[in-house]
Amino acid sequence: MVATIPVCDPGESPDAMYELLDQAGCLVVRDLATPEQMAAVRSELTEHVEAAEAGEDDPTDFYPGKTHRVIALPHRSATVRELMMHPTVDALGDRHLLPNSKKWQLNVSAALEIGPGARDQILHREEDLYPYWTPPRPNLILATMWAVSDFTADNGGTQLVPGSHRWPVDRIAAPDEIVRAEMAVGSVLFWLGGTLHGGGANSTHDDWRYGVILTYNLGWLRQEENQHVSVPLADALALPPEVRSRLGFDADYGGGLGFFDPSVLLA
């Protein structure tokens, strides 16, 4: 049986989307963002992406070379904040993460522009951040990749191993179990924290693959990207409460984790 990534349209019900996502560990939703939103992301991040060194490749590095990487996206792009709060992201995040926490939050933000000659990234799981559980772990992370450019099998489309979120820790993916995400601008790839995945190799001559990754974790876990440093406090306080909460600037974790005195912030 050939491994495949399920695909659906944005009008599909959240329950049906999550059923596909839960079964395969990954899902592409077409046309979830508008072309105007993707153009705005490009415009808002251009200065930062152009300033990022692509770098040469060291095969021993976790992150392949020949790739522009920019983090702290909610601070740098109002449109990325819109994507972070998208109703479909809300719906799937609630279904996957709320059973294990009273809230969930942004874990990582990054713009990734994979250039010609970039190699495949080593397959890994987002939840490998938390080694205290052995795979398959409880639901800890939901990940998204928004297509700012078209993703193809040749230009660096994300590698995924459908079904691997249910595998034992020592099972290694065979070549025919690895699929490369192909999707048009404005589509979004969802995958579960336990799904094996990695950035794809770009074998083209001049086609840079551009995506925005936003991952989310349980509210009582440490965020991989320290949002309290990536987003200046004054900027965070100026955001709507629901956006601040998604960034992790609150203490509603169900057990008092992260409590603070608001008067100190406003002093």
Protein backbone atom coordinates (compact mmCIF):
# COMPACT_ATOMS: atom_id res chain seq x y z
CA MET A 1 0.00 0.00 0.00
CA VAL A 2 1.45 3.37 -1.06
CA ALA A 3 1.72 5.91 1.75
CA THR A 4 -0.29 9.09 1.13
CA ILE A 5 -1.07 12.37 2.86
CA PRO A 6 -4.84 12.95 3.05
CA VAL A 7 -6.10 16.18 1.48
CA CYS A 8 -9.33 18.08 2.07
CA ASP A 9 -10.98 21.40 1.25
CA PRO A 10 -11.44 24.19 3.83
CA GLY A 11 -15.20 23.62 3.92
CA GLU A 12 -14.78 20.16 5.45
CA SER A 13 -16.05 19.93 9.02
CA PRO A 14 -13.45 20.12 11.81
CA ASP A 15 -14.53 16.70 13.05
CA ALA A 16 -13.93 15.16 9.62
CA MET A 17 -10.58 16.96 9.33
CA TYR A 18 -9.45 15.72 12.70
CA GLU A 19 -10.50 12.15 11.91
CA LEU A 20 -8.23 12.22 8.84
CA LEU A 21 -5.43 13.85 10.81
CA ASP A 22 -5.72 11.40 13.68
CA GLN A 23 -5.66 8.40 11.36
CA ALA A 24 -2.73 9.44 9.14
CA GLY A 25 -0.87 11.76 11.52
CA CYS A 26 -0.87 14.44 8.80
CA LEU A 27 -3.30 16.36 6.61
CA VAL A 28 -3.21 19.02 3.88
CA VAL A 29 -6.05 21.55 3.84
CA ARG A 30 -6.21 23.40 0.53
CA ASP A 31 -6.71 27.15 0.21
CA LEU A 32 -6.99 27.88 3.93
CA ALA A 33 -5.23 31.23 3.49
CA THR A 34 -5.87 33.73 0.71
CA PRO A 35 -3.26 34.75 -1.88
CA GLU A 36 -3.39 38.23 -0.34
CA GLN A 37 -2.47 36.85 3.10
CA MET A 38 0.48 34.94 1.68
CA ALA A 39 1.65 38.02 -0.21
CA ALA A 40 1.38 40.00 3.02
CA VAL A 41 3.50 37.42 4.88
CA ARG A 42 6.18 37.76 2.20
CA SER A 43 6.08 41.55 2.40
CA GLU A 44 6.16 41.69 6.21
CA LEU A 45 9.08 39.25 6.48
CA THR A 46 11.11 40.26 3.40
CA GLU A 47 13.65 42.33 5.33
CA HIS A 48 14.31 39.52 7.81
CA VAL A 49 14.41 36.67 5.27
CA GLU A 50 16.80 38.56 3.01
CA ALA A 51 19.08 39.26 5.98
CA ALA A 52 19.19 35.58 7.00
CA GLU A 53 22.29 33.72 5.79
CA ALA A 54 21.42 30.54 3.91
CA GLY A 55 24.77 29.01 4.86
CA GLU A 56 26.64 26.03 3.47
CA ASP A 57 25.68 22.52 4.46
CA ASP A 58 27.26 20.45 7.19
CA PRO A 59 25.85 16.92 6.94
CA THR A 60 26.24 16.48 10.70
CA ASP A 61 23.95 19.44 11.50
CA PHE A 62 20.31 18.86 12.37
CA TYR A 63 19.35 21.87 10.25
CA PRO A 64 20.39 21.58 6.58
CA GLY A 65 22.22 24.45 4.91
CA LYS A 66 21.12 26.49 1.90
CA THR A 67 18.03 27.55 3.83
CA HIS A 68 16.90 30.93 5.14
CA ARG A 69 15.48 30.66 8.68
CA VAL A 70 13.72 33.43 10.56
CA ILE A 71 11.97 33.10 13.95
CA ALA A 72 9.95 35.46 16.20
CA LEU A 73 7.29 35.69 13.50
CA PRO A 74 4.33 36.89 15.62
CA HIS A 75 6.39 39.96 16.53
CA ARG A 76 7.43 40.56 12.93
CA SER A 77 4.22 39.84 11.02
CA ALA A 78 0.62 40.79 11.80
CA THR A 79 -0.50 38.33 9.15
CA VAL A 80 1.32 35.46 10.86
CA ARG A 81 -0.68 36.33 13.99
CA GLU A 82 -3.84 35.92 11.86
CA LEU A 83 -2.69 32.47 10.74
CA MET A 84 -1.85 31.56 14.34
CA MET A 85 -5.45 32.33 15.35
CA HIS A 86 -7.16 30.83 12.29
CA PRO A 87 -10.49 29.15 13.18
CA THR A 88 -9.40 25.83 11.64
CA VAL A 89 -6.21 25.88 13.69
CA ASP A 90 -8.35 26.63 16.76
CA ALA A 91 -10.66 23.73 16.03
CA LEU A 92 -7.96 21.13 15.40
CA GLY A 93 -5.81 22.41 18.26
CA ASP A 94 -8.73 22.07 20.66
CA ARG A 95 -9.46 18.52 19.52
CA HIS A 96 -5.86 17.37 19.76
CA LEU A 97 -4.53 19.25 22.78
CA LEU A 98 -7.34 20.26 25.15
CA PRO A 99 -7.85 16.71 26.47
CA ASN A 100 -4.42 17.05 28.12
CA SER A 101 -4.44 20.72 29.17
CA LYS A 102 -6.82 23.58 29.93
CA LYS A 103 -5.16 25.65 27.20
CA TRP A 104 -2.53 25.39 24.47
CA GLN A 105 0.03 27.82 23.13
CA LEU A 106 2.44 28.66 20.35
CA ASN A 107 5.54 26.50 20.57
CA VAL A 108 7.66 27.51 17.56
CA SER A 109 7.39 30.06 14.75
CA ALA A 110 9.73 30.09 11.76
CA ALA A 111 9.86 31.15 8.13
CA LEU A 112 11.79 28.56 6.13
CA GLU A 113 12.94 29.24 2.58
CA ILE A 114 14.66 26.10 1.26
CA GLY A 115 17.06 26.80 -1.59
CA PRO A 116 18.32 24.71 -4.51
CA GLY A 117 20.79 22.07 -3.40
CA ALA A 118 19.45 21.75 0.15
CA ARG A 119 19.47 18.19 1.45
CA ASP A 120 16.78 16.19 3.22
CA GLN A 121 16.56 16.89 6.93
CA ILE A 122 16.82 13.91 9.24
CA LEU A 123 13.40 12.51 10.09
CA HIS A 124 12.30 13.40 13.60
CA ARG A 125 9.25 13.97 15.79
CA GLU A 126 8.26 17.36 17.20
CA GLU A 127 7.64 15.65 20.54
CA ASP A 128 11.28 14.52 20.75
CA LEU A 129 11.69 17.78 22.73
CA TYR A 130 10.17 15.92 25.67
CA PRO A 131 12.10 12.64 26.09
CA TYR A 132 10.39 11.71 29.35
CA TRP A 133 7.78 9.69 27.46
CA THR A 134 8.54 6.87 25.02
CA PRO A 135 6.74 6.98 21.63
CA PRO A 136 3.90 6.74 21.05
CA ARG A 137 3.52 9.64 23.50
CA PRO A 138 0.36 11.36 24.73
CA ASN A 139 -0.82 14.27 22.59
CA LEU A 140 1.68 17.06 23.26
CA ILE A 141 2.12 19.02 20.01
CA LEU A 142 0.20 19.98 16.86
CA ALA A 143 2.24 21.41 13.97
CA THR A 144 1.33 23.45 10.89
CA MET A 145 3.23 24.50 7.77
CA TRP A 146 1.66 27.25 5.64
CA ALA A 147 2.61 27.28 1.95
CA VAL A 148 3.84 30.77 1.07
CA SER A 149 5.02 29.30 -2.26
CA ASP A 150 3.98 26.12 -4.02
CA PHE A 151 5.39 22.96 -2.42
CA THR A 152 6.51 20.16 -4.75
CA ALA A 153 8.35 16.90 -4.34
CA ASP A 154 11.37 18.49 -6.05
CA ASN A 155 11.62 21.90 -4.38
CA GLY A 156 11.69 20.86 -0.72
CA GLY A 157 8.15 19.71 0.05
CA THR A 158 8.11 18.51 3.68
CA GLN A 159 8.86 14.82 4.20
CA LEU A 160 6.25 12.93 6.23
CA VAL A 161 5.73 9.34 7.27
CA PRO A 162 1.96 8.80 7.51
CA GLY A 163 0.97 6.54 10.38
CA SER A 164 4.29 6.88 12.20
CA HIS A 165 2.63 8.66 15.15
CA ARG A 166 1.52 5.19 16.26
CA TRP A 167 4.86 3.43 15.73
CA PRO A 168 7.17 2.09 18.43
CA VAL A 169 10.28 4.16 19.02
CA ASP A 170 12.67 1.75 17.27
CA ARG A 171 10.81 1.41 13.96
CA ILE A 172 12.65 3.04 11.05
CA ALA A 173 10.80 4.35 8.01
CA ALA A 174 11.42 2.55 4.73
CA PRO A 175 11.89 4.75 1.62
CA ASP A 176 8.43 3.88 0.29
CA GLU A 177 6.83 5.00 3.56
CA ILE A 178 8.13 8.58 3.19
CA VAL A 179 5.90 11.05 1.31
CA ARG A 180 6.76 14.60 0.25
CA ALA A 181 4.01 17.16 0.78
CA GLU A 182 2.83 18.82 -2.41
CA MET A 183 0.45 21.77 -2.05
CA ALA A 184 -0.35 25.12 -3.60
CA VAL A 185 0.15 28.57 -2.12
CA GLY A 186 -2.33 29.19 0.71
CA SER A 187 -2.62 25.53 1.68
CA VAL A 188 -1.57 24.35 5.12
CA LEU A 189 -0.05 21.06 6.20
CA PHE A 190 -1.03 19.79 9.66
CA TRP A 191 0.86 17.00 11.41
CA LEU A 192 0.82 15.52 14.87
CA GLY A 193 3.74 15.82 17.25
CA GLY A 194 4.44 12.11 17.03
CA THR A 195 4.61 11.96 13.22
CA LEU A 196 8.04 11.46 11.67
CA HIS A 197 8.86 14.34 9.33
CA GLY A 198 11.67 16.59 8.09
CA GLY A 199 12.40 19.34 5.64
CA GLY A 200 12.68 18.11 2.07
CA ALA A 201 15.63 18.24 -0.31
CA ASN A 202 15.46 20.87 -3.06
CA SER A 203 16.72 19.35 -6.31
CA THR A 204 15.66 22.27 -8.52
CA HIS A 205 17.98 24.85 -10.03
CA ASP A 206 16.20 28.09 -9.06
CA ASP A 207 12.99 27.34 -7.13
CA TRP A 208 13.10 28.44 -3.46
CA ARG A 209 10.38 26.74 -1.40
CA TYR A 210 8.91 29.13 1.17
CA GLY A 211 6.84 28.01 4.15
CA VAL A 212 5.85 29.29 7.59
CA ILE A 213 5.87 26.75 10.39
CA LEU A 214 3.78 27.34 13.51
CA THR A 215 3.67 24.57 16.09
CA TYR A 216 1.59 24.43 19.28
CA ASN A 217 2.01 22.60 22.58
CA LEU A 218 0.18 22.04 25.85
CA GLY A 219 -0.05 25.08 28.11
CA TRP A 220 1.92 23.44 30.91
CA LEU A 221 4.94 22.57 28.73
CA ARG A 222 7.99 24.78 28.15
CA GLN A 223 7.86 26.33 24.67
CA GLU A 224 10.73 25.40 22.35
CA GLU A 225 10.96 29.01 21.16
CA ASN A 226 10.92 31.36 24.16
CA GLN A 227 8.02 33.58 23.16
CA HIS A 228 8.58 35.82 26.19
CA VAL A 229 11.87 36.86 24.59
CA SER A 230 10.80 36.65 20.94
CA VAL A 231 7.88 39.03 21.56
CA PRO A 232 8.70 42.25 23.47
CA LEU A 233 6.54 42.57 26.58
CA ALA A 234 5.13 45.97 25.61
CA ASP A 235 4.02 44.53 22.26
CA ALA A 236 2.46 41.48 23.92
CA LEU A 237 0.48 43.66 26.34
CA ALA A 238 -0.93 45.62 23.40
CA LEU A 239 -2.33 42.48 21.74
CA PRO A 240 -5.87 41.16 22.29
CA PRO A 241 -6.13 38.82 25.30
CA GLU A 242 -6.75 35.72 23.17
CA VAL A 243 -3.59 36.39 21.13
CA ARG A 244 -1.53 36.96 24.28
CA SER A 245 -2.83 33.68 25.64
CA ARG A 246 -1.91 31.83 22.45
CA LEU A 247 1.61 33.24 22.80
CA GLY A 248 1.81 31.98 26.39
CA PHE A 249 1.54 35.33 28.18
CA ASP A 250 -0.89 34.11 30.83
CA ALA A 251 -1.09 31.67 33.71
CA ASP A 252 -4.24 29.70 32.92
CA TYR A 253 -2.54 26.29 32.86
CA GLY A 254 -4.82 24.53 35.32
CA GLY A 255 -2.34 24.32 38.16
CA GLY A 256 -1.08 27.85 38.74
CA LEU A 257 1.97 27.48 36.51
CA GLY A 258 3.29 30.85 35.36
CA PHE A 259 1.41 33.05 37.82
CA PHE A 260 2.47 36.72 38.04
CA ASP A 261 1.44 40.07 39.49
CA PRO A 262 -0.05 42.25 36.69
CA SER A 263 0.79 45.43 38.63
CA VAL A 264 4.49 44.70 38.15
CA LEU A 265 4.04 44.52 34.37
CA LEU A 266 2.34 47.89 34.34
CA ALA A 267 4.72 49.61 36.75
